[in-house]
């Protein structure tokens, strides 16, 4: 379903429904699943529903501005595409289509280590579109330090603007849908960033997820705070850490030189029962203060969700699964439409909340559990 002419979905939820018809069962389960009982996966959405809005009235909102910067890098809307592996499962153009839509819309994109298009292929998108929207590279730290170093050096040479370290995956969370499906990449699809370097790929094994085996064999569960210094020595890119849910961890990250923190529970795919990302946000923002920028990942489905995250102190948000739904339904056009929907919904939500600019969004807009955030 590469065209949106016959029926154009109205929202991200409708894209999800359409995507179920476009994806194989293995791909659908891989994208949609969470760990174990998927409690945290569900709670990422429920958290947004727990927070209510207290709109201001009689405010001039005839002109609204949603442009911002993260790490000094321009965004036309406070949005980045979250790092997501294996996007060619959704569409043959995979990460290229996603990057093209993101660059054209002026939003950021974080490329996964486990992408099915290479670091260099995706980097050419920004060059070809003359876009100033940032591309960041997400890094999984492998046991092979030479391999990890090579990935960082390639990202820097290709023009990526930040190095995003995933810190919540020393081992892979147990995703039972993947185990049931014996998840592996289809024939002809490879880990584009790793195959040429080391011949690595997702193994096939009966009654097990190939991705789980890959993590156990290749990723380094012994990584600690001390490794951040080594990573920073490899290139001058600002360091971003993704996967923090505690204020004390956030404060320590800043002490280690981290420039931005992504509050995230990996989309509910790692530790089931972990706190919802939105519920962790205020603590992290308070711990960091103005020493680093804080972003939120997990559960964003509406423009009002973005508004709530910004009200709790996030500088921007990352969106994951809905981008894959758009990619599966209509390729680049679907991703572009997902971004357009979120931008339009945020614009309307700001107007109705009495906020003409992002700077006017603050915690006084929120109400939760009989408490006002002021």
Protein backbone atom coordinates (compact mmCIF):
# COMPACT_ATOMS: atom_id res chain seq x y z
CA UNK A 1 0.00 0.00 0.00
CA UNK A 2 2.38 2.68 -1.31
CA UNK A 3 -0.20 5.37 -2.04
CA UNK A 4 -2.39 7.42 0.25
CA UNK A 5 -4.82 8.51 -2.46
CA UNK A 6 -7.71 6.14 -1.79
CA UNK A 7 -7.79 6.60 1.97
CA UNK A 8 -5.67 8.89 4.09
CA UNK A 9 -5.54 7.95 7.77
CA UNK A 10 -6.61 10.70 10.15
CA UNK A 11 -4.29 9.81 13.03
CA UNK A 12 -1.48 7.55 14.15
CA UNK A 13 -3.85 4.92 15.52
CA UNK A 14 -5.42 4.45 12.10
CA UNK A 15 -1.94 4.02 10.61
CA UNK A 16 -1.32 1.22 13.09
CA UNK A 17 -4.46 -0.57 11.98
CA UNK A 18 -3.50 -0.29 8.33
CA UNK A 19 0.06 -1.44 9.05
CA UNK A 20 -1.19 -4.73 10.44
CA UNK A 21 -2.35 -5.57 6.92
CA UNK A 22 1.00 -4.67 5.33
CA UNK A 23 3.46 -6.51 7.58
CA UNK A 24 4.31 -10.16 8.02
CA UNK A 25 3.36 -11.60 11.40
CA UNK A 26 7.02 -11.80 12.41
CA UNK A 27 7.70 -8.17 11.48
CA UNK A 28 4.49 -6.94 13.08
CA UNK A 29 5.23 -8.75 16.34
CA UNK A 30 8.84 -7.55 16.33
CA UNK A 31 7.80 -3.92 15.94
CA UNK A 32 4.80 -3.99 18.27
CA UNK A 33 5.92 -6.22 21.12
CA UNK A 34 7.21 -5.42 24.57
CA UNK A 35 8.99 -7.51 27.15
CA UNK A 36 7.28 -10.30 29.11
CA UNK A 37 3.70 -9.26 30.02
CA UNK A 38 4.06 -5.89 28.24
CA UNK A 39 3.03 -3.96 31.35
CA UNK A 40 5.49 -1.14 30.69
CA UNK A 41 4.56 -1.06 27.02
CA UNK A 42 0.94 -0.34 27.94
CA UNK A 43 1.85 2.04 30.75
CA UNK A 44 3.81 4.30 28.40
CA UNK A 45 0.48 5.18 26.81
CA UNK A 46 -1.56 5.17 30.03
CA UNK A 47 0.82 7.69 31.59
CA UNK A 48 -0.21 10.34 29.07
CA UNK A 49 -3.85 9.73 29.88
CA UNK A 50 -3.19 10.22 33.60
CA UNK A 51 -1.99 13.77 32.96
CA UNK A 52 -4.74 16.28 32.22
CA UNK A 53 -4.39 19.75 30.75
CA UNK A 54 -5.31 23.07 32.36
CA UNK A 55 -5.59 25.44 29.38
CA UNK A 56 -5.12 29.18 29.58
CA UNK A 57 -7.77 31.34 27.89
CA UNK A 58 -7.97 34.78 26.29
CA UNK A 59 -4.41 34.51 25.03
CA UNK A 60 -3.42 35.79 21.59
CA UNK A 61 -2.56 32.59 19.74
CA UNK A 62 -3.15 33.94 16.23
CA UNK A 63 0.49 33.21 15.39
CA UNK A 64 2.23 30.09 16.73
CA UNK A 65 5.83 28.95 16.56
CA UNK A 66 6.93 25.34 17.01
CA UNK A 67 10.55 25.74 15.85
CA UNK A 68 13.26 24.82 18.34
CA UNK A 69 16.84 23.59 18.72
CA UNK A 70 18.38 20.58 20.42
CA UNK A 71 22.12 20.70 21.10
CA UNK A 72 22.13 23.85 19.00
CA UNK A 73 20.76 21.91 16.01
CA UNK A 74 17.57 23.19 14.33
CA UNK A 75 14.25 21.36 14.43
CA UNK A 76 11.12 22.58 12.69
CA UNK A 77 9.10 20.79 15.38
CA UNK A 78 10.41 19.43 18.72
CA UNK A 79 10.60 15.91 17.30
CA UNK A 80 13.20 13.32 16.39
CA UNK A 81 12.74 9.87 14.89
CA UNK A 82 13.79 7.32 17.51
CA UNK A 83 16.46 4.75 16.65
CA UNK A 84 14.73 1.61 15.35
CA UNK A 85 16.35 -1.48 13.89
CA UNK A 86 15.47 -3.39 10.72
CA UNK A 87 13.30 -0.79 8.98
CA UNK A 88 13.51 -2.68 5.70
CA UNK A 89 11.10 -5.16 7.27
CA UNK A 90 8.48 -2.44 6.82
CA UNK A 91 9.51 -1.16 3.39
CA UNK A 92 12.34 -1.99 0.95
CA UNK A 93 13.70 1.57 1.25
CA UNK A 94 13.74 1.28 5.04
CA UNK A 95 15.89 3.87 6.78
CA UNK A 96 16.45 5.77 3.53
CA UNK A 97 12.72 6.52 3.25
CA UNK A 98 12.52 7.48 6.91
CA UNK A 99 15.56 9.74 6.69
CA UNK A 100 14.27 11.44 3.54
CA UNK A 101 10.91 12.21 5.13
CA UNK A 102 12.57 13.46 8.32
CA UNK A 103 15.03 15.68 6.46
CA UNK A 104 12.30 17.16 4.25
CA UNK A 105 10.20 17.97 7.34
CA UNK A 106 13.14 19.41 9.27
CA UNK A 107 13.00 16.91 12.12
CA UNK A 108 15.87 14.89 13.53
CA UNK A 109 16.58 11.20 12.98
CA UNK A 110 18.59 8.81 15.13
CA UNK A 111 19.98 5.92 13.09
CA UNK A 112 20.21 2.54 14.80
CA UNK A 113 23.41 0.50 14.91
CA UNK A 114 21.20 -2.37 13.72
CA UNK A 115 19.89 -0.57 10.66
CA UNK A 116 19.29 -2.28 7.34
CA UNK A 117 20.69 0.69 5.41
CA UNK A 118 24.24 1.79 6.15
CA UNK A 119 25.55 4.80 8.03
CA UNK A 120 26.85 6.26 4.79
CA UNK A 121 23.70 5.59 2.73
CA UNK A 122 21.49 7.35 5.27
CA UNK A 123 23.93 10.26 5.64
CA UNK A 124 23.66 11.04 1.93
CA UNK A 125 19.98 11.88 2.42
CA UNK A 126 20.73 15.13 4.27
CA UNK A 127 23.40 16.03 1.76
CA UNK A 128 21.07 15.42 -1.17
CA UNK A 129 18.17 17.37 0.33
CA UNK A 130 20.36 20.21 1.69
CA UNK A 131 18.56 19.73 4.98
CA UNK A 132 19.91 21.17 8.23
CA UNK A 133 17.88 18.71 10.30
CA UNK A 134 20.27 16.70 12.48
CA UNK A 135 21.09 13.05 12.07
CA UNK A 136 22.41 11.28 15.17
CA UNK A 137 23.92 7.81 15.39
CA UNK A 138 22.73 5.37 18.05
CA UNK A 139 25.45 3.06 19.33
CA UNK A 140 25.30 -0.38 20.88
CA UNK A 141 28.65 -1.09 22.50
CA UNK A 142 29.97 -4.41 21.25
CA UNK A 143 32.43 -6.68 23.00
CA UNK A 144 34.77 -6.02 20.09
CA UNK A 145 36.12 -2.55 20.91
CA UNK A 146 37.66 -2.23 17.48
CA UNK A 147 34.24 -2.72 15.92
CA UNK A 148 32.69 -0.15 18.27
CA UNK A 149 35.45 2.34 17.45
CA UNK A 150 34.96 1.79 13.73
CA UNK A 151 31.23 2.51 14.00
CA UNK A 152 31.87 5.77 15.86
CA UNK A 153 34.51 6.88 13.39
CA UNK A 154 32.26 6.10 10.43
CA UNK A 155 29.38 8.10 11.93
CA UNK A 156 31.65 11.08 12.57
CA UNK A 157 33.15 10.95 9.09
CA UNK A 158 29.68 10.73 7.52
CA UNK A 159 28.53 13.92 9.24
CA UNK A 160 26.30 12.72 12.06
CA UNK A 161 25.79 15.41 14.69
CA UNK A 162 25.68 13.42 17.95
CA UNK A 163 26.53 10.00 19.33
CA UNK A 164 23.55 8.44 21.12
CA UNK A 165 24.49 5.62 23.51
CA UNK A 166 21.75 3.17 24.50
CA UNK A 167 22.39 2.39 28.17
CA UNK A 168 19.38 0.27 29.13
CA UNK A 169 20.30 -2.89 27.22
CA UNK A 170 23.22 -4.75 28.84
CA UNK A 171 21.23 -7.81 27.78
CA UNK A 172 18.15 -7.97 25.61
CA UNK A 173 14.75 -7.95 27.28
CA UNK A 174 12.71 -11.13 26.83
CA UNK A 175 10.18 -10.51 24.07
CA UNK A 176 8.10 -13.64 23.94
CA UNK A 177 6.49 -12.86 20.61
CA UNK A 178 9.94 -12.84 18.99
CA UNK A 179 10.85 -16.12 20.63
CA UNK A 180 7.60 -17.70 19.47
CA UNK A 181 8.27 -16.51 15.91
CA UNK A 182 11.98 -17.48 16.03
CA UNK A 183 12.73 -13.94 14.87
CA UNK A 184 15.43 -13.58 12.21
CA UNK A 185 15.99 -11.34 9.21
CA UNK A 186 14.61 -12.59 5.89
CA UNK A 187 17.04 -13.90 3.31
CA UNK A 188 18.88 -11.04 1.60
CA UNK A 189 18.40 -8.57 4.46
CA UNK A 190 21.49 -7.75 6.49
CA UNK A 191 22.86 -5.60 9.29
CA UNK A 192 24.16 -2.97 6.91
CA UNK A 193 26.60 -1.41 9.37
CA UNK A 194 28.09 -4.66 10.60
CA UNK A 195 28.15 -7.25 7.84
CA UNK A 196 31.00 -5.63 5.91
CA UNK A 197 33.01 -4.95 9.07
CA UNK A 198 32.80 -8.32 10.74
CA UNK A 199 30.31 -10.56 8.97
CA UNK A 200 27.87 -10.23 11.86
CA UNK A 201 24.21 -10.97 11.31
CA UNK A 202 21.13 -12.14 13.18
CA UNK A 203 21.40 -15.93 13.56
CA UNK A 204 18.65 -18.45 12.93
CA UNK A 205 17.96 -20.84 15.78
CA UNK A 206 15.00 -23.07 16.49
CA UNK A 207 12.72 -21.99 19.37
CA UNK A 208 14.63 -18.77 20.03
CA UNK A 209 14.83 -15.13 18.91
CA UNK A 210 17.88 -14.54 16.75
CA UNK A 211 18.14 -11.01 18.10
CA UNK A 212 18.34 -12.34 21.67
CA UNK A 213 21.20 -14.61 20.65
CA UNK A 214 22.96 -11.74 18.87
CA UNK A 215 22.86 -9.55 21.98
CA UNK A 216 24.13 -12.36 24.17
CA UNK A 217 27.01 -13.12 21.83
CA UNK A 218 28.07 -9.68 20.64
CA UNK A 219 27.04 -6.87 23.00
CA UNK A 220 29.04 -6.01 26.10
CA UNK A 221 27.11 -6.35 29.40
CA UNK A 222 30.15 -5.11 31.36
CA UNK A 223 29.88 -1.49 30.17
CA UNK A 224 29.97 1.07 33.01
CA UNK A 225 30.13 4.82 33.48
CA UNK A 226 33.89 4.68 32.92
CA UNK A 227 33.33 3.66 29.31
CA UNK A 228 31.72 7.02 28.52
CA UNK A 229 35.12 8.67 28.79
CA UNK A 230 36.55 6.21 26.26
CA UNK A 231 33.66 6.88 23.87
CA UNK A 232 34.16 10.62 24.15
CA UNK A 233 37.83 10.17 23.27
CA UNK A 234 36.92 8.63 19.91
CA UNK A 235 35.40 11.73 18.31
CA UNK A 236 34.31 15.28 19.24
CA UNK A 237 30.58 14.64 18.78
CA UNK A 238 28.32 15.51 21.75
CA UNK A 239 27.35 12.45 23.77
CA UNK A 240 23.67 11.61 24.33
CA UNK A 241 22.55 8.76 26.58
CA UNK A 242 19.25 6.99 25.96
CA UNK A 243 17.51 4.84 28.54
CA UNK A 244 17.70 6.77 31.84
CA UNK A 245 14.73 6.68 34.23
CA UNK A 246 16.28 7.96 37.49
CA UNK A 247 17.42 11.36 38.67
CA UNK A 248 20.64 10.06 40.22
CA UNK A 249 21.64 8.34 36.98
CA UNK A 250 20.86 11.52 35.06
CA UNK A 251 23.02 13.61 37.41
CA UNK A 252 25.91 11.18 37.05
CA UNK A 253 25.60 11.23 33.28
CA UNK A 254 25.97 15.00 33.29
CA UNK A 255 29.03 14.70 35.54
CA UNK A 256 30.49 12.36 32.92
CA UNK A 257 30.11 15.01 30.23
CA UNK A 258 26.85 13.91 28.62
CA UNK A 259 25.16 16.80 26.78
CA UNK A 260 21.64 15.37 26.45
CA UNK A 261 19.60 12.66 28.15
CA UNK A 262 16.77 10.70 26.59
CA UNK A 263 14.32 9.53 29.23
CA UNK A 264 13.28 6.14 27.92
CA UNK A 265 12.39 2.57 28.87
CA UNK A 266 13.18 1.30 25.37
CA UNK A 267 9.52 1.35 24.39
CA UNK A 268 8.68 -1.20 27.08
CA UNK A 269 10.98 -3.72 25.39
CA UNK A 270 13.57 -4.20 28.15
CA UNK A 271 12.63 -4.40 31.86
CA UNK A 272 8.92 -5.10 32.10
CA UNK A 273 7.41 -3.32 35.10
CA UNK A 274 9.76 -0.36 34.70
CA UNK A 275 8.29 3.09 35.25
CA UNK A 276 6.64 4.82 32.29
CA UNK A 277 8.95 7.28 30.57
CA UNK A 278 6.60 10.19 31.19
CA UNK A 279 6.40 9.39 34.91
CA UNK A 280 10.21 9.53 35.12
CA UNK A 281 10.60 12.79 33.22
CA UNK A 282 10.14 15.39 35.96
CA UNK A 283 12.65 13.71 38.27
CA UNK A 284 15.28 13.63 35.54
CA UNK A 285 14.64 17.26 34.55
CA UNK A 286 14.99 18.38 38.18
CA UNK A 287 18.20 16.42 38.62
CA UNK A 288 19.79 17.82 35.48
CA UNK A 289 18.70 21.46 35.70
CA UNK A 290 20.26 23.52 32.95
CA UNK A 291 23.40 21.38 32.68
CA UNK A 292 22.05 19.22 29.85
CA UNK A 293 19.01 18.95 27.63
CA UNK A 294 16.37 16.32 28.35
CA UNK A 295 14.28 14.53 25.74
CA UNK A 296 11.46 11.99 26.13
CA UNK A 297 10.97 8.72 24.26
CA UNK A 298 8.01 6.38 24.60
CA UNK A 299 4.26 6.48 24.07
CA UNK A 300 3.88 9.60 21.91
CA UNK A 301 0.79 9.21 19.74
CA UNK A 302 -0.84 12.67 19.71
CA UNK A 303 0.17 16.30 19.59
CA UNK A 304 -1.24 16.65 23.10
CA UNK A 305 1.29 14.02 24.21
CA UNK A 306 4.11 16.23 22.92
CA UNK A 307 2.57 19.20 24.73
CA UNK A 308 2.49 17.27 28.02
CA UNK A 309 6.09 16.12 27.64
CA UNK A 310 7.26 19.67 26.97
CA UNK A 311 5.25 20.91 29.96
CA UNK A 312 7.19 18.48 32.17
CA UNK A 313 10.48 19.87 30.92
CA UNK A 314 11.43 17.89 27.81
CA UNK A 315 13.15 19.91 25.09
CA UNK A 316 11.84 17.54 22.42
CA UNK A 317 10.40 14.04 22.01
CA UNK A 318 11.32 10.94 20.05
CA UNK A 319 8.72 8.94 18.14
CA UNK A 320 9.28 5.30 17.23
CA UNK A 321 6.60 2.76 16.35
CA UNK A 322 4.22 5.18 14.57
CA UNK A 323 6.98 5.96 12.09
CA UNK A 324 7.19 2.25 11.29
CA UNK A 325 3.42 2.13 10.77
CA UNK A 326 3.68 4.99 8.29
CA UNK A 327 6.65 3.35 6.59
CA UNK A 328 4.79 0.06 6.22
CA UNK A 329 1.64 1.68 4.83
CA UNK A 330 3.11 4.16 2.36
CA UNK A 331 6.90 4.31 2.55
CA UNK A 332 8.42 7.79 2.62
CA UNK A 333 5.00 9.41 2.09
CA UNK A 334 3.62 7.57 5.11
CA UNK A 335 6.47 8.73 7.36
CA UNK A 336 6.05 12.28 6.09
CA UNK A 337 2.33 12.14 6.87
CA UNK A 338 2.99 10.85 10.41
CA UNK A 339 5.25 13.85 11.03
CA UNK A 340 2.68 16.21 9.48
CA UNK A 341 -0.10 14.84 11.68
CA UNK A 342 1.93 15.33 14.85
CA UNK A 343 2.97 18.83 13.85
CA UNK A 344 -0.61 19.88 13.10
CA UNK A 345 -1.92 18.30 16.30
CA UNK A 346 0.75 20.04 18.40
CA UNK A 347 -0.07 23.36 16.75
CA UNK A 348 -3.78 23.01 17.52
CA UNK A 349 -3.09 21.78 21.07
CA UNK A 350 -0.86 24.79 21.76
CA UNK A 351 -3.52 27.18 20.49
CA UNK A 352 -6.23 25.58 22.63
CA UNK A 353 -3.94 25.54 25.68
CA UNK A 354 -3.12 29.23 25.30
CA UNK A 355 0.51 28.84 24.20
CA UNK A 356 1.68 30.79 21.18
CA UNK A 357 5.24 29.48 21.43
CA UNK A 358 7.10 26.55 22.92
CA UNK A 359 8.54 28.88 25.57
CA UNK A 360 5.03 29.42 26.97
CA UNK A 361 4.58 25.71 27.69
CA UNK A 362 5.22 24.95 31.37
CA UNK A 363 4.12 22.66 34.16
CA UNK A 364 1.25 24.94 35.21
CA UNK A 365 -0.66 23.45 32.28
CA UNK A 366 -0.77 20.03 33.95
CA UNK A 367 -2.98 18.30 36.49
CA UNK A 368 -2.44 14.75 37.72
CA UNK A 369 -3.64 12.73 40.73
CA UNK A 370 -5.24 15.77 42.37
CA UNK A 371 -1.98 17.73 42.12
CA UNK A 372 -1.20 20.78 40.10
CA UNK A 373 2.31 21.14 38.68
CA UNK A 374 3.30 24.75 39.28
